[in-house]
Structure formats: structure tokens, C-alpha cells
C-alpha atoms as a PDB file:
ATOM      1  CA  MET A   1     102.543 170.337 226.600  1.00  0.00           C
ATOM      2  CA  ALA A   2     103.181 174.153 225.750  1.00  0.00           C
ATOM      3  CA  ASN A   3     106.894 172.683 225.357  1.00  0.00           C
ATOM      4  CA  LYS A   4     105.938 170.635 222.905  1.00  0.00           C
ATOM      5  CA  SER A   5     104.957 173.093 221.247  1.00  0.00           C
ATOM      6  CA  ASP A   6     107.306 175.511 221.146  1.00  0.00           C
ATOM      7  CA  SER A   7     109.652 173.158 220.091  1.00  0.00           C
ATOM      8  CA  GLY A   8     107.595 172.264 217.592  1.00  0.00           C
ATOM      9  CA  GLN A   9     107.394 176.499 216.322  1.00  0.00           C
ATOM     10  CA  ARG A  10     111.024 175.937 216.913  1.00  0.00           C
ATOM     11  CA  ASP A  11     111.571 173.516 214.105  1.00  0.00           C
ATOM     12  CA  LEU A  12     109.451 175.551 212.046  1.00  0.00           C
ATOM     13  CA  LEU A  13     110.833 178.527 212.541  1.00  0.00           C
ATOM     14  CA  VAL A  14     114.745 176.614 211.665  1.00  0.00           C
ATOM     15  CA  ILE A  15     113.302 174.814 208.787  1.00  0.00           C
ATOM     16  CA  THR A  16     112.078 177.975 207.194  1.00  0.00           C
ATOM     17  CA  GLN A  17     115.539 179.370 207.886  1.00  0.00           C
ATOM     18  CA  ALA A  18     117.167 176.864 206.347  1.00  0.00           C
ATOM     19  CA  MET A  19     115.121 176.956 203.096  1.00  0.00           C
ATOM     20  CA  THR A  20     115.202 181.006 203.059  1.00  0.00           C
ATOM     21  CA  ILE A  21     119.227 180.727 202.227  1.00  0.00           C
ATOM     22  CA  LYS A  22     119.671 177.538 200.254  1.00  0.00           C
ATOM     23  CA  TRP A  23     116.904 180.048 198.266  1.00  0.00           C
ATOM     24  CA  LEU A  24     119.464 183.002 199.053  1.00  0.00           C
ATOM     25  CA  GLU A  25     122.519 180.675 198.089  1.00  0.00           C
ATOM     26  CA  LYS A  26     120.892 179.658 194.913  1.00  0.00           C
ATOM     27  CA  LYS A  27     120.063 183.423 194.147  1.00  0.00           C
ATOM     28  CA  VAL A  28     123.676 184.460 194.615  1.00  0.00           C
ATOM     29  CA  MET A  29     124.713 181.508 192.105  1.00  0.00           C
ATOM     30  CA  ASP A  30     122.782 182.195 189.624  1.00  0.00           C
ATOM     31  CA  LEU A  31     123.904 186.491 189.927  1.00  0.00           C
ATOM     32  CA  GLN A  32     127.422 185.024 190.110  1.00  0.00           C
ATOM     33  CA  LYS A  33     126.043 183.437 186.611  1.00  0.00           C
ATOM     34  CA  GLN A  34     124.558 186.027 184.586  1.00  0.00           C
ATOM     35  CA  LEU A  35     126.927 188.565 186.257  1.00  0.00           C
ATOM     36  CA  HIS A  36     130.061 186.780 184.676  1.00  0.00           C
ATOM     37  CA  LEU A  37     128.176 185.848 181.182  1.00  0.00           C
ATOM     38  CA  LEU A  38     127.477 189.845 181.026  1.00  0.00           C
ATOM     39  CA  GLU A  39     130.791 190.341 182.064  1.00  0.00           C
ATOM     40  CA  SER A  40     131.878 187.960 178.856  1.00  0.00           C
ATOM     41  CA  HIS A  41     129.348 189.882 176.223  1.00  0.00           C
ATOM     42  CA  ALA A  42     131.173 193.339 177.286  1.00  0.00           C
ATOM     43  CA  MET A  43     134.608 191.758 176.484  1.00  0.00           C
ATOM     44  CA  ASN A  44     133.201 190.186 173.252  1.00  0.00           C
ATOM     45  CA  CYS A  45     131.871 193.480 172.376  1.00  0.00           C
ATOM     46  CA  SER A  46     134.246 196.435 172.967  1.00  0.00           C
ATOM     47  CA  LEU A  47     134.806 198.767 170.810  1.00  0.00           C
ATOM     48  CA  PRO A  48     137.020 197.907 167.619  1.00  0.00           C
ATOM     49  CA  ASN A  49     140.451 200.685 167.728  1.00  0.00           C
ATOM     50  CA  SER A  50     139.127 203.375 165.598  1.00  0.00           C
ATOM     51  CA  ASN A  51     142.801 203.614 163.587  1.00  0.00           C
ATOM     52  CA  SER A  52     141.164 199.711 162.161  1.00  0.00           C
ATOM     53  CA  ARG A  53     139.063 199.538 159.437  1.00  0.00           C
ATOM     54  CA  GLU A  54     136.517 198.158 161.302  1.00  0.00           C
ATOM     55  CA  GLY A  55     136.352 201.090 163.043  1.00  0.00           C
ATOM     56  CA  LEU A  56     134.494 202.916 160.261  1.00  0.00           C
ATOM     57  CA  VAL A  57     131.982 199.866 159.489  1.00  0.00           C
ATOM     58  CA  SER A  58     127.975 201.871 159.678  1.00  0.00           C
ATOM     59  CA  MET A  59     125.827 201.238 162.482  1.00  0.00           C
ATOM     60  CA  ALA A  60     122.934 201.490 160.326  1.00  0.00           C
END
């Protein structure tokens, strides 16, 4: 009977670990998307050339 109990606990551990891995993979993908968006935003919001007219516009 103990062998069956050990097997059940092992199965539960494997399932728990698999669920944790899936959650972590999703978290990594979400963070990669967030990073990509932030990088794109940073590229679009770069400061204009100080010699250009846009550089003279007030930020207020």
C-alpha cells in the first residue's frame, strides 16, 4: 500500500512541477512582450536632434 501512496505523491509532484513550469514559461513570454513594447516606446520617444526645430519646442 505504501508503494501506491508513494506513486500518487510522485505523480502529484510531477503535475505540480509541470504546472509551475507552464506558469513560468507564460511569465517569461509576458515579460518578453513587455520588454519589446518598452524598447519600441523608447525608440519612438528618443530626444530629437538639438539642431532641429523640434528641439526648440517647450516641454511645458
